[in-house]
Amino acid sequence: MGSQFPVSDRNAYISTITGVREVALTGTADLASWSARLRAMNLVPYNDNGRASLLLTAIEARFRGIPFREMSISVVVSDDGGANVGGAYLAHAFNSSRLLAFAERAFFRTPYHLAVLTATEQLPARI
């Protein structure tokens, strides 16, 4: 069937990781707080019925043989003043690998920090 996006709209990734265990959660937070925090970067959070939309993801994977776990917190942003979704801003992220956390910060200028993370497939879910 092919992609729903034209080739020019696809993101180009440096690498693709397979065999990933992942969980993604969506939620909302205080819109005024995120508006103030994102203002310095000229970003506007998406207005989700008076709340800011958040995306929390956690994965367990291997990159070039290095096992790691990662958790990220992103805020959905708008490119039209808050009315429509325009993308996501990576607010904070954690990686269990010192090397990969450093590489993310040094090469991609992302807010990654080293952390001890665990992943389980048992209830209750926890990160």
C-alpha atoms as a PDB file:
ATOM      1  CA  MET A   1       0.000   0.000   0.000  1.00  0.00           C
ATOM      2  CA  GLY A   2       2.907   2.395   0.609  1.00  0.00           C
ATOM      3  CA  SER A   3       3.361   5.354   2.882  1.00  0.00           C
ATOM      4  CA  GLN A   4       0.614   7.866   3.517  1.00  0.00           C
ATOM      5  CA  PHE A   5       3.189  10.679   3.300  1.00  0.00           C
ATOM      6  CA  PRO A   6       5.048  11.850   0.202  1.00  0.00           C
ATOM      7  CA  VAL A   7       8.773  11.041   0.272  1.00  0.00           C
ATOM      8  CA  SER A   8       9.644  14.724   0.798  1.00  0.00           C
ATOM      9  CA  ASP A   9       7.613  14.793   4.057  1.00  0.00           C
ATOM     10  CA  ARG A  10       9.282  11.763   5.672  1.00  0.00           C
ATOM     11  CA  ASN A  11      11.894  12.228   8.373  1.00  0.00           C
ATOM     12  CA  ALA A  12      15.354  11.000   7.486  1.00  0.00           C
ATOM     13  CA  TYR A  13      16.789   8.855  10.274  1.00  0.00           C
ATOM     14  CA  ILE A  14      20.452   8.086  10.822  1.00  0.00           C
ATOM     15  CA  SER A  15      19.620   4.558  11.938  1.00  0.00           C
ATOM     16  CA  THR A  16      16.683   2.231  12.353  1.00  0.00           C
ATOM     17  CA  ILE A  17      16.438  -0.008  15.405  1.00  0.00           C
ATOM     18  CA  THR A  18      14.495  -3.276  15.261  1.00  0.00           C
ATOM     19  CA  GLY A  19      13.357  -5.581  18.072  1.00  0.00           C
ATOM     20  CA  VAL A  20      12.259  -2.698  20.296  1.00  0.00           C
ATOM     21  CA  ARG A  21       9.922  -3.075  23.270  1.00  0.00           C
ATOM     22  CA  GLU A  22       8.026   0.191  23.630  1.00  0.00           C
ATOM     23  CA  VAL A  23       5.187   1.777  25.551  1.00  0.00           C
ATOM     24  CA  ALA A  24       3.743   5.207  24.767  1.00  0.00           C
ATOM     25  CA  LEU A  25       1.399   7.159  27.011  1.00  0.00           C
ATOM     26  CA  THR A  26      -0.436  10.375  26.275  1.00  0.00           C
ATOM     27  CA  GLY A  27      -1.615  12.871  28.835  1.00  0.00           C
ATOM     28  CA  THR A  28      -2.276  16.515  29.490  1.00  0.00           C
ATOM     29  CA  ALA A  29      -0.672  19.184  31.642  1.00  0.00           C
ATOM     30  CA  ASP A  30      -1.117  22.826  32.582  1.00  0.00           C
ATOM     31  CA  LEU A  31      -1.254  24.886  29.365  1.00  0.00           C
ATOM     32  CA  ALA A  32      -0.107  28.171  30.948  1.00  0.00           C
ATOM     33  CA  SER A  33       2.964  26.535  32.472  1.00  0.00           C
ATOM     34  CA  TRP A  34       4.062  24.956  29.183  1.00  0.00           C
ATOM     35  CA  SER A  35       3.268  28.154  27.256  1.00  0.00           C
ATOM     36  CA  ALA A  36       5.631  30.081  29.529  1.00  0.00           C
ATOM     37  CA  ARG A  37       8.353  27.433  29.327  1.00  0.00           C
ATOM     38  CA  LEU A  38       8.225  27.144  25.522  1.00  0.00           C
ATOM     39  CA  ARG A  39       7.991  30.902  24.855  1.00  0.00           C
ATOM     40  CA  ALA A  40      11.791  31.324  25.086  1.00  0.00           C
ATOM     41  CA  MET A  41      12.151  28.877  22.165  1.00  0.00           C
ATOM     42  CA  ASN A  42       9.412  30.585  20.117  1.00  0.00           C
ATOM     43  CA  LEU A  43       7.208  27.506  20.440  1.00  0.00           C
ATOM     44  CA  VAL A  44       3.528  27.290  21.332  1.00  0.00           C
ATOM     45  CA  PRO A  45       1.975  24.183  22.875  1.00  0.00           C
ATOM     46  CA  TYR A  46      -1.014  22.653  21.122  1.00  0.00           C
ATOM     47  CA  ASN A  47      -4.186  23.705  22.947  1.00  0.00           C
ATOM     48  CA  ASP A  48      -5.996  20.452  23.767  1.00  0.00           C
ATOM     49  CA  ASN A  49      -9.238  21.789  25.273  1.00  0.00           C
ATOM     50  CA  GLY A  50      -7.351  24.201  27.521  1.00  0.00           C
ATOM     51  CA  ARG A  51      -4.556  21.740  28.369  1.00  0.00           C
ATOM     52  CA  ALA A  52      -1.113  21.008  26.912  1.00  0.00           C
ATOM     53  CA  SER A  53      -0.721  17.547  25.342  1.00  0.00           C
ATOM     54  CA  LEU A  54       2.174  15.358  26.474  1.00  0.00           C
ATOM     55  CA  LEU A  55       3.696  12.180  25.075  1.00  0.00           C
ATOM     56  CA  LEU A  56       5.724   9.878  27.326  1.00  0.00           C
ATOM     57  CA  THR A  57       7.573   6.992  25.718  1.00  0.00           C
ATOM     58  CA  ALA A  58       9.747   4.254  27.157  1.00  0.00           C
ATOM     59  CA  ILE A  59      11.722   1.691  25.171  1.00  0.00           C
ATOM     60  CA  GLU A  60      14.091  -1.204  25.671  1.00  0.00           C
ATOM     61  CA  ALA A  61      16.361  -2.017  22.724  1.00  0.00           C
ATOM     62  CA  ARG A  62      19.879  -2.571  21.411  1.00  0.00           C
ATOM     63  CA  PHE A  63      21.863  -0.167  19.261  1.00  0.00           C
ATOM     64  CA  ARG A  64      24.884  -1.713  17.528  1.00  0.00           C
ATOM     65  CA  GLY A  65      24.987  -4.375  20.220  1.00  0.00           C
ATOM     66  CA  ILE A  66      24.629  -1.929  23.134  1.00  0.00           C
ATOM     67  CA  PRO A  67      21.584  -2.750  25.289  1.00  0.00           C
ATOM     68  CA  PHE A  68      19.754   0.304  26.598  1.00  0.00           C
ATOM     69  CA  ARG A  69      16.498   1.625  27.980  1.00  0.00           C
ATOM     70  CA  GLU A  70      15.192   5.087  27.268  1.00  0.00           C
ATOM     71  CA  MET A  71      12.378   7.330  28.458  1.00  0.00           C
ATOM     72  CA  SER A  72      11.331  10.613  26.861  1.00  0.00           C
ATOM     73  CA  ILE A  73       8.866  13.372  27.680  1.00  0.00           C
ATOM     74  CA  SER A  74       7.608  15.463  24.763  1.00  0.00           C
ATOM     75  CA  VAL A  75       5.136  18.328  24.507  1.00  0.00           C
ATOM     76  CA  VAL A  76       2.922  18.515  21.424  1.00  0.00           C
ATOM     77  CA  VAL A  77       3.447  21.914  19.781  1.00  0.00           C
ATOM     78  CA  SER A  78       1.548  23.943  17.221  1.00  0.00           C
ATOM     79  CA  ASP A  79       2.737  26.014  14.295  1.00  0.00           C
ATOM     80  CA  ASP A  80      -0.424  28.134  14.136  1.00  0.00           C
ATOM     81  CA  GLY A  81      -0.792  29.546  17.641  1.00  0.00           C
ATOM     82  CA  GLY A  82      -2.140  26.414  19.308  1.00  0.00           C
ATOM     83  CA  ALA A  83      -5.086  25.437  17.110  1.00  0.00           C
ATOM     84  CA  ASN A  84      -3.503  22.493  15.250  1.00  0.00           C
ATOM     85  CA  VAL A  85      -0.768  19.957  15.929  1.00  0.00           C
ATOM     86  CA  GLY A  86       2.511  20.918  14.287  1.00  0.00           C
ATOM     87  CA  GLY A  87       5.015  18.550  15.899  1.00  0.00           C
ATOM     88  CA  ALA A  88       6.539  17.639  19.243  1.00  0.00           C
ATOM     89  CA  TYR A  89       9.191  19.245  21.438  1.00  0.00           C
ATOM     90  CA  LEU A  90      11.483  16.864  23.336  1.00  0.00           C
ATOM     91  CA  ALA A  91      11.412  18.390  26.815  1.00  0.00           C
ATOM     92  CA  HIS A  92      13.472  15.793  28.673  1.00  0.00           C
ATOM     93  CA  ALA A  93      14.879  12.322  28.087  1.00  0.00           C
ATOM     94  CA  PHE A  94      16.759   9.629  29.963  1.00  0.00           C
ATOM     95  CA  ASN A  95      18.963   6.788  28.712  1.00  0.00           C
ATOM     96  CA  SER A  96      20.435   3.887  30.679  1.00  0.00           C
ATOM     97  CA  SER A  97      23.624   3.912  28.578  1.00  0.00           C
ATOM     98  CA  ARG A  98      26.217   6.523  29.539  1.00  0.00           C
ATOM     99  CA  LEU A  99      27.622   6.398  25.985  1.00  0.00           C
ATOM    100  CA  LEU A 100      24.258   6.842  24.261  1.00  0.00           C
ATOM    101  CA  ALA A 101      23.113   9.609  26.637  1.00  0.00           C
ATOM    102  CA  PHE A 102      26.383  11.452  25.962  1.00  0.00           C
ATOM    103  CA  ALA A 103      26.086  10.925  22.187  1.00  0.00           C
ATOM    104  CA  GLU A 104      22.532  12.312  22.173  1.00  0.00           C
ATOM    105  CA  ARG A 105      23.630  15.450  24.042  1.00  0.00           C
ATOM    106  CA  ALA A 106      26.905  15.979  22.169  1.00  0.00           C
ATOM    107  CA  PHE A 107      25.913  15.184  18.588  1.00  0.00           C
ATOM    108  CA  PHE A 108      22.206  16.024  18.489  1.00  0.00           C
ATOM    109  CA  ARG A 109      21.946  18.642  21.277  1.00  0.00           C
ATOM    110  CA  THR A 110      19.029  16.803  22.868  1.00  0.00           C
ATOM    111  CA  PRO A 111      18.180  16.911  26.602  1.00  0.00           C
ATOM    112  CA  TYR A 112      19.291  13.342  27.413  1.00  0.00           C
ATOM    113  CA  HIS A 113      20.537  12.383  30.860  1.00  0.00           C
ATOM    114  CA  LEU A 114      21.929   9.167  32.287  1.00  0.00           C
ATOM    115  CA  ALA A 115      19.442   7.274  34.464  1.00  0.00           C
ATOM    116  CA  VAL A 116      18.804   3.832  35.885  1.00  0.00           C
ATOM    117  CA  LEU A 117      15.703   2.573  34.060  1.00  0.00           C
ATOM    118  CA  THR A 118      13.887  -0.745  34.330  1.00  0.00           C
ATOM    119  CA  ALA A 119      11.322  -2.315  32.037  1.00  0.00           C
ATOM    120  CA  THR A 120       8.829  -4.988  33.018  1.00  0.00           C
ATOM    121  CA  GLU A 121       5.858  -6.599  31.331  1.00  0.00           C
ATOM    122  CA  GLN A 122       3.936  -7.060  34.547  1.00  0.00           C
ATOM    123  CA  LEU A 123       1.077  -5.123  36.077  1.00  0.00           C
ATOM    124  CA  PRO A 124       1.122  -2.531  37.403  1.00  0.00           C
ATOM    125  CA  ALA A 125       2.903  -0.827  34.536  1.00  0.00           C
ATOM    126  CA  ARG A 126       5.764   1.348  35.686  1.00  0.00           C
ATOM    127  CA  ILE A 127       8.632   3.288  34.248  1.00  0.00           C
END
